């Protein structure tokens, strides 16, 4: 699958999901680097700051897609650990997440996700670890 096919497939698969609700837009999706952006507006806590859970959703979305791309056909990726360190607040505009693999093995894959604001300031650093398994028969 080429880059435009992957972007189109993930865009279609996101319809009606949390990804759509949070207005996450995919920019680049390869096993080596995944990029998506998300508006701050609509994804805030009551104080008007980007919700930490929204950052976690962006991170898990990118890391999970990356893990599935690494897993390949006939295999599935299952998230087993997500952590996030919040460095500063975002109040407006968009945040961008960039996921890169930290470790890729046959059964485990780990992605680091760095989320920045429009000025390039680091908002959050996350790490997602996924278990890679054979897909159940008939899936």
N, C-alpha and C. Protein backbone atom coordinates (compact mmCIF):
# COMPACT_ATOMS: atom_id res chain seq x y z
N UNK A 1 0.84 -1.19 0.00
CA UNK A 1 0.00 0.00 0.00
C UNK A 1 0.88 1.24 0.00
N UNK A 2 0.56 2.20 -0.84
CA UNK A 2 1.34 3.44 -0.82
C UNK A 2 0.75 4.42 0.20
N UNK A 3 1.47 5.51 0.43
CA UNK A 3 1.10 6.49 1.45
C UNK A 3 -0.32 7.02 1.28
N UNK A 4 -0.72 7.38 0.06
CA UNK A 4 -2.06 7.93 -0.14
C UNK A 4 -3.14 6.88 0.12
N UNK A 5 -2.85 5.60 -0.22
CA UNK A 5 -3.82 4.54 0.06
C UNK A 5 -3.99 4.33 1.56
N UNK A 6 -2.87 4.36 2.29
CA UNK A 6 -2.92 4.19 3.75
C UNK A 6 -3.69 5.34 4.39
N UNK A 7 -3.40 6.58 3.97
CA UNK A 7 -4.11 7.74 4.52
C UNK A 7 -5.61 7.64 4.24
N UNK A 8 -5.97 7.25 3.00
CA UNK A 8 -7.39 7.12 2.64
C UNK A 8 -8.06 6.02 3.45
N UNK A 9 -7.38 4.88 3.60
CA UNK A 9 -7.96 3.76 4.34
C UNK A 9 -8.17 4.12 5.81
N UNK A 10 -7.18 4.78 6.42
CA UNK A 10 -7.32 5.16 7.83
C UNK A 10 -8.36 6.25 8.01
N UNK A 11 -8.45 7.16 7.07
CA UNK A 11 -9.50 8.18 7.14
C UNK A 11 -10.88 7.54 7.10
N UNK A 12 -11.08 6.57 6.22
CA UNK A 12 -12.36 5.88 6.11
C UNK A 12 -12.64 5.05 7.37
N UNK A 13 -11.62 4.38 7.89
CA UNK A 13 -11.79 3.55 9.08
C UNK A 13 -12.09 4.37 10.33
N UNK A 14 -11.75 5.65 10.30
CA UNK A 14 -11.94 6.52 11.47
C UNK A 14 -13.35 7.09 11.57
N UNK A 15 -14.14 6.92 10.52
CA UNK A 15 -15.50 7.46 10.52
C UNK A 15 -16.29 6.86 11.69
N UNK A 16 -16.92 7.74 12.47
CA UNK A 16 -17.75 7.32 13.59
C UNK A 16 -16.97 6.90 14.83
N UNK A 17 -15.67 7.14 14.85
CA UNK A 17 -14.84 6.74 16.00
C UNK A 17 -14.41 7.96 16.80
N UNK A 18 -13.71 7.71 17.89
CA UNK A 18 -13.17 8.78 18.71
C UNK A 18 -12.22 9.67 17.90
N UNK A 19 -11.51 9.08 16.96
CA UNK A 19 -10.59 9.85 16.11
C UNK A 19 -11.36 10.93 15.37
N UNK A 20 -12.50 10.59 14.82
CA UNK A 20 -13.34 11.57 14.12
C UNK A 20 -13.90 12.61 15.10
N UNK A 21 -14.36 12.15 16.24
CA UNK A 21 -14.96 13.05 17.23
C UNK A 21 -13.97 14.11 17.71
N UNK A 22 -12.68 13.71 17.82
CA UNK A 22 -11.65 14.63 18.30
C UNK A 22 -11.00 15.40 17.15
N UNK A 23 -11.47 15.15 15.93
CA UNK A 23 -11.01 15.84 14.72
C UNK A 23 -9.52 15.64 14.45
N UNK A 24 -9.05 14.43 14.71
CA UNK A 24 -7.66 14.09 14.41
C UNK A 24 -7.51 13.94 12.90
N UNK A 25 -6.53 14.61 12.35
CA UNK A 25 -6.26 14.56 10.90
C UNK A 25 -4.91 13.89 10.67
N UNK A 26 -4.91 12.83 9.87
CA UNK A 26 -3.66 12.14 9.55
C UNK A 26 -2.89 12.94 8.50
N UNK A 27 -1.59 13.05 8.70
CA UNK A 27 -0.72 13.78 7.77
C UNK A 27 0.23 12.82 7.08
N UNK A 28 0.84 11.91 7.83
CA UNK A 28 1.80 10.95 7.30
C UNK A 28 1.68 9.67 8.11
N UNK A 29 1.60 8.52 7.43
CA UNK A 29 1.47 7.24 8.12
C UNK A 29 2.38 6.21 7.46
N UNK A 30 3.55 6.01 8.04
CA UNK A 30 4.47 4.96 7.61
C UNK A 30 4.93 4.22 8.85
N UNK A 31 5.48 3.01 8.71
CA UNK A 31 5.98 2.31 9.91
C UNK A 31 7.11 3.07 10.62
N UNK A 32 7.81 3.94 9.90
CA UNK A 32 8.95 4.66 10.47
C UNK A 32 8.57 6.00 11.09
N UNK A 33 7.45 6.59 10.66
CA UNK A 33 7.07 7.92 11.14
C UNK A 33 5.59 8.13 10.86
N UNK A 34 4.89 8.51 11.91
CA UNK A 34 3.46 8.80 11.78
C UNK A 34 3.21 10.20 12.32
N UNK A 35 2.42 10.97 11.59
CA UNK A 35 2.15 12.35 11.98
C UNK A 35 0.65 12.61 11.86
N UNK A 36 0.10 13.25 12.87
CA UNK A 36 -1.31 13.67 12.84
C UNK A 36 -1.44 14.95 13.65
N UNK A 37 -2.48 15.71 13.36
CA UNK A 37 -2.73 16.92 14.13
C UNK A 37 -4.16 16.90 14.64
N UNK A 38 -4.38 17.73 15.67
CA UNK A 38 -5.67 17.75 16.35
C UNK A 38 -5.90 19.17 16.87
N UNK A 39 -7.13 19.69 16.74
CA UNK A 39 -7.39 21.01 17.28
C UNK A 39 -7.44 20.99 18.81
N UNK A 40 -7.01 22.08 19.41
CA UNK A 40 -7.15 22.22 20.86
C UNK A 40 -8.63 22.46 21.19
N UNK A 41 -9.25 23.34 20.42
CA UNK A 41 -10.66 23.66 20.65
C UNK A 41 -11.51 22.39 20.54
N UNK A 42 -12.35 22.17 21.52
CA UNK A 42 -13.20 20.99 21.55
C UNK A 42 -12.55 19.82 22.28
N UNK A 43 -11.26 19.93 22.58
CA UNK A 43 -10.53 18.86 23.27
C UNK A 43 -9.88 19.39 24.54
N UNK A 44 -10.61 20.26 25.23
CA UNK A 44 -10.06 20.92 26.41
C UNK A 44 -10.72 20.43 27.69
N UNK A 45 -10.05 20.72 28.79
CA UNK A 45 -10.64 20.54 30.11
C UNK A 45 -11.45 21.80 30.42
N UNK A 46 -12.22 21.83 31.50
CA UNK A 46 -13.06 22.99 31.79
C UNK A 46 -12.30 24.32 31.90
N UNK A 47 -10.99 24.27 32.15
CA UNK A 47 -10.20 25.49 32.31
C UNK A 47 -9.69 26.05 30.99
N UNK A 48 -10.04 25.41 29.87
CA UNK A 48 -9.64 25.90 28.56
C UNK A 48 -8.29 25.40 28.08
N UNK A 49 -7.68 24.47 28.82
CA UNK A 49 -6.40 23.89 28.42
C UNK A 49 -6.64 22.56 27.71
N UNK A 50 -5.74 22.20 26.79
CA UNK A 50 -5.83 20.90 26.15
C UNK A 50 -5.90 19.82 27.22
N UNK A 51 -6.87 18.95 27.13
CA UNK A 51 -7.05 17.88 28.11
C UNK A 51 -5.92 16.86 27.95
N UNK A 52 -5.34 16.43 29.06
CA UNK A 52 -4.28 15.43 29.01
C UNK A 52 -4.74 14.14 28.36
N UNK A 53 -5.99 13.80 28.57
CA UNK A 53 -6.55 12.61 27.93
C UNK A 53 -6.61 12.74 26.42
N UNK A 54 -6.80 13.97 25.94
CA UNK A 54 -6.80 14.19 24.49
C UNK A 54 -5.41 13.92 23.92
N UNK A 55 -4.38 14.36 24.64
CA UNK A 55 -3.01 14.06 24.20
C UNK A 55 -2.78 12.55 24.19
N UNK A 56 -3.30 11.86 25.19
CA UNK A 56 -3.15 10.40 25.25
C UNK A 56 -3.87 9.73 24.08
N UNK A 57 -5.03 10.23 23.71
CA UNK A 57 -5.76 9.67 22.57
C UNK A 57 -4.95 9.86 21.29
N UNK A 58 -4.40 11.05 21.09
CA UNK A 58 -3.59 11.30 19.90
C UNK A 58 -2.38 10.36 19.88
N UNK A 59 -1.72 10.21 21.01
CA UNK A 59 -0.54 9.34 21.10
C UNK A 59 -0.90 7.88 20.84
N UNK A 60 -1.96 7.40 21.47
CA UNK A 60 -2.33 6.00 21.28
C UNK A 60 -2.80 5.73 19.87
N UNK A 61 -3.48 6.69 19.27
CA UNK A 61 -3.92 6.53 17.88
C UNK A 61 -2.71 6.35 16.96
N UNK A 62 -1.73 7.24 17.07
CA UNK A 62 -0.56 7.14 16.19
C UNK A 62 0.26 5.88 16.47
N UNK A 63 0.52 5.59 17.74
CA UNK A 63 1.31 4.41 18.07
C UNK A 63 0.63 3.11 17.67
N UNK A 64 -0.68 3.04 17.81
CA UNK A 64 -1.42 1.84 17.43
C UNK A 64 -1.39 1.62 15.92
N UNK A 65 -1.56 2.69 15.17
CA UNK A 65 -1.48 2.55 13.71
C UNK A 65 -0.08 2.12 13.31
N UNK A 66 0.94 2.73 13.91
CA UNK A 66 2.31 2.34 13.62
C UNK A 66 2.56 0.88 13.92
N UNK A 67 2.06 0.42 15.07
CA UNK A 67 2.25 -0.98 15.46
C UNK A 67 1.55 -1.91 14.48
N UNK A 68 0.37 -1.53 14.02
CA UNK A 68 -0.35 -2.37 13.05
C UNK A 68 0.38 -2.40 11.71
N UNK A 69 0.95 -1.27 11.31
CA UNK A 69 1.73 -1.26 10.07
C UNK A 69 2.95 -2.17 10.18
N UNK A 70 3.58 -2.17 11.35
CA UNK A 70 4.73 -3.05 11.59
C UNK A 70 4.27 -4.51 11.62
N UNK A 71 3.14 -4.78 12.26
CA UNK A 71 2.64 -6.15 12.40
C UNK A 71 2.40 -6.79 11.04
N UNK A 72 1.80 -6.04 10.13
CA UNK A 72 1.55 -6.54 8.79
C UNK A 72 0.30 -7.40 8.69
N UNK A 73 0.03 -7.89 7.47
CA UNK A 73 -1.17 -8.69 7.23
C UNK A 73 -1.16 -9.98 8.06
N UNK A 74 -2.33 -10.35 8.53
CA UNK A 74 -2.47 -11.58 9.28
C UNK A 74 -2.07 -11.47 10.74
N UNK A 75 -1.70 -10.25 11.17
CA UNK A 75 -1.32 -10.04 12.57
C UNK A 75 -2.09 -8.84 13.10
N UNK A 76 -2.20 -8.75 14.40
CA UNK A 76 -2.87 -7.61 15.04
C UNK A 76 -1.97 -7.03 16.12
N UNK A 77 -2.15 -5.74 16.36
CA UNK A 77 -1.42 -5.04 17.41
C UNK A 77 -2.39 -4.72 18.54
N UNK A 78 -1.98 -5.03 19.77
CA UNK A 78 -2.82 -4.78 20.94
C UNK A 78 -2.02 -3.94 21.92
N UNK A 79 -2.53 -2.75 22.25
CA UNK A 79 -1.85 -1.88 23.20
C UNK A 79 -1.79 -2.51 24.58
N UNK A 80 -0.60 -2.47 25.20
CA UNK A 80 -0.47 -3.02 26.56
C UNK A 80 0.05 -2.00 27.56
N UNK A 81 0.61 -0.87 27.08
CA UNK A 81 1.08 0.15 28.02
C UNK A 81 1.12 1.50 27.31
N UNK A 82 0.57 2.49 27.97
CA UNK A 82 0.62 3.88 27.48
C UNK A 82 1.01 4.76 28.64
N UNK A 83 1.98 5.64 28.43
CA UNK A 83 2.28 6.64 29.45
C UNK A 83 2.44 7.99 28.77
N UNK A 84 2.22 9.03 29.53
CA UNK A 84 2.30 10.38 28.98
C UNK A 84 2.84 11.32 30.04
N UNK A 85 3.80 12.13 29.64
CA UNK A 85 4.31 13.19 30.49
C UNK A 85 3.89 14.51 29.85
N UNK A 86 3.16 15.32 30.61
CA UNK A 86 2.66 16.60 30.11
C UNK A 86 3.63 17.70 30.52
N UNK A 87 4.18 18.40 29.53
CA UNK A 87 5.22 19.39 29.79
C UNK A 87 4.69 20.81 29.93
N UNK A 88 3.69 21.16 29.13
CA UNK A 88 3.12 22.51 29.19
C UNK A 88 1.73 22.48 28.59
N UNK A 89 1.00 23.54 28.80
CA UNK A 89 -0.39 23.62 28.33
C UNK A 89 -0.47 24.17 26.92
N UNK A 90 -1.49 23.73 26.21
CA UNK A 90 -1.86 24.34 24.92
C UNK A 90 -3.25 24.92 25.11
N UNK A 91 -3.45 26.12 24.62
CA UNK A 91 -4.73 26.81 24.81
C UNK A 91 -5.50 27.06 23.52
N UNK A 92 -4.81 27.02 22.38
CA UNK A 92 -5.47 27.34 21.11
C UNK A 92 -4.71 26.70 19.96
N UNK A 93 -5.31 26.79 18.78
CA UNK A 93 -4.66 26.28 17.58
C UNK A 93 -4.72 24.77 17.50
N UNK A 94 -3.66 24.21 16.95
CA UNK A 94 -3.55 22.77 16.76
C UNK A 94 -2.33 22.24 17.47
N UNK A 95 -2.37 20.98 17.85
CA UNK A 95 -1.19 20.27 18.32
C UNK A 95 -0.90 19.18 17.28
N UNK A 96 0.38 18.85 17.15
CA UNK A 96 0.80 17.84 16.19
C UNK A 96 1.55 16.74 16.92
N UNK A 97 1.20 15.51 16.63
CA UNK A 97 1.88 14.36 17.20
C UNK A 97 2.75 13.70 16.15
N UNK A 98 3.97 13.36 16.54
CA UNK A 98 4.90 12.63 15.66
C UNK A 98 5.33 11.37 16.40
N UNK A 99 5.02 10.21 15.82
CA UNK A 99 5.36 8.93 16.42
C UNK A 99 6.50 8.28 15.66
N UNK A 100 7.49 7.80 16.40
CA UNK A 100 8.61 7.08 15.80
C UNK A 100 8.88 5.82 16.63
N UNK A 101 9.30 4.75 15.97
CA UNK A 101 9.55 3.52 16.72
C UNK A 101 10.79 3.64 17.61
N UNK A 102 10.66 3.13 18.81
CA UNK A 102 11.77 3.05 19.76
C UNK A 102 12.38 1.65 19.68
N UNK A 103 11.52 0.64 19.60
CA UNK A 103 11.94 -0.74 19.55
C UNK A 103 10.92 -1.53 18.73
N UNK A 104 11.42 -2.32 17.78
CA UNK A 104 10.54 -3.14 16.95
C UNK A 104 11.02 -4.58 17.01
N UNK A 105 10.19 -5.43 17.56
CA UNK A 105 10.52 -6.85 17.63
C UNK A 105 9.42 -7.67 16.99
N UNK A 106 9.55 -8.97 17.09
CA UNK A 106 8.54 -9.85 16.50
C UNK A 106 7.25 -9.86 17.30
N UNK A 107 7.35 -9.68 18.63
CA UNK A 107 6.15 -9.74 19.47
C UNK A 107 5.82 -8.43 20.18
N UNK A 108 6.78 -7.53 20.29
CA UNK A 108 6.53 -6.23 20.94
C UNK A 108 7.06 -5.10 20.07
N UNK A 109 6.32 -4.02 20.08
CA UNK A 109 6.78 -2.81 19.40
C UNK A 109 6.48 -1.63 20.32
N UNK A 110 7.37 -0.66 20.34
CA UNK A 110 7.22 0.51 21.19
C UNK A 110 7.43 1.77 20.36
N UNK A 111 6.52 2.72 20.48
CA UNK A 111 6.61 3.99 19.78
C UNK A 111 6.69 5.14 20.78
N UNK A 112 7.53 6.11 20.48
CA UNK A 112 7.54 7.37 21.22
C UNK A 112 6.72 8.36 20.40
N UNK A 113 5.88 9.13 21.10
CA UNK A 113 5.06 10.13 20.43
C UNK A 113 5.34 11.48 21.09
N UNK A 114 5.81 12.42 20.29
CA UNK A 114 6.08 13.78 20.77
C UNK A 114 4.98 14.68 20.22
N UNK A 115 4.30 15.38 21.12
CA UNK A 115 3.22 16.29 20.74
C UNK A 115 3.69 17.71 20.98
N UNK A 116 3.57 18.53 19.94
CA UNK A 116 4.01 19.93 20.01
C UNK A 116 2.88 20.87 19.62
N UNK A 117 3.02 22.14 20.05
CA UNK A 117 2.05 23.15 19.64
C UNK A 117 2.49 23.77 18.32
N UNK A 118 1.75 24.74 17.84
CA UNK A 118 2.06 25.35 16.54
C UNK A 118 3.40 26.09 16.54
N UNK A 119 3.88 26.48 17.70
CA UNK A 119 5.18 27.14 17.79
C UNK A 119 6.33 26.16 17.94
N UNK A 120 6.02 24.86 17.99
CA UNK A 120 7.05 23.85 18.12
C UNK A 120 7.40 23.49 19.56
N UNK A 121 6.74 24.10 20.54
CA UNK A 121 7.00 23.78 21.94
C UNK A 121 6.43 22.40 22.27
N UNK A 122 7.19 21.60 23.00
CA UNK A 122 6.76 20.26 23.37
C UNK A 122 5.66 20.35 24.43
N UNK A 123 4.53 19.75 24.13
CA UNK A 123 3.37 19.74 25.02
C UNK A 123 3.36 18.45 25.83
N UNK A 124 3.69 17.34 25.17
CA UNK A 124 3.57 16.03 25.80
C UNK A 124 4.53 15.05 25.14
N UNK A 125 5.09 14.16 25.94
CA UNK A 125 5.87 13.04 25.43
C UNK A 125 5.20 11.76 25.92
N UNK A 126 4.89 10.87 24.99
CA UNK A 126 4.22 9.61 25.33
C UNK A 126 5.00 8.44 24.78
N UNK A 127 4.72 7.28 25.37
CA UNK A 127 5.29 6.04 24.86
C UNK A 127 4.17 5.00 24.88
N UNK A 128 4.01 4.30 23.74
CA UNK A 128 3.02 3.24 23.63
C UNK A 128 3.72 1.95 23.28
N UNK A 129 3.43 0.89 24.05
CA UNK A 129 3.94 -0.44 23.77
C UNK A 129 2.77 -1.32 23.35
N UNK A 130 2.96 -2.04 22.25
CA UNK A 130 1.92 -2.94 21.74
C UNK A 130 2.45 -4.36 21.59
N UNK A 131 1.60 -5.32 21.88
CA UNK A 131 1.87 -6.72 21.66
C UNK A 131 1.43 -7.05 20.24
N UNK A 132 2.28 -7.76 19.50
CA UNK A 132 1.93 -8.19 18.14
C UNK A 132 1.59 -9.66 18.19
N UNK A 133 0.40 -10.00 17.68
CA UNK A 133 -0.09 -11.38 17.72
C UNK A 133 -0.61 -11.78 16.35
N UNK A 134 -0.71 -13.08 16.14
CA UNK A 134 -1.38 -13.56 14.94
C UNK A 134 -2.87 -13.23 15.06
N UNK A 135 -3.47 -12.82 13.96
CA UNK A 135 -4.90 -12.50 13.97
C UNK A 135 -5.70 -13.78 14.19
N UNK A 136 -6.81 -13.66 14.91
CA UNK A 136 -7.67 -14.85 15.08
C UNK A 136 -8.18 -15.35 13.72
N UNK A 137 -8.40 -16.64 13.57
CA UNK A 137 -8.92 -17.17 12.31
C UNK A 137 -10.23 -16.50 11.93
N UNK A 138 -10.36 -16.17 10.65
CA UNK A 138 -11.60 -15.58 10.15
C UNK A 138 -11.74 -14.08 10.36
N UNK A 139 -10.66 -13.43 10.86
CA UNK A 139 -10.78 -11.98 11.09
C UNK A 139 -10.21 -11.20 9.94
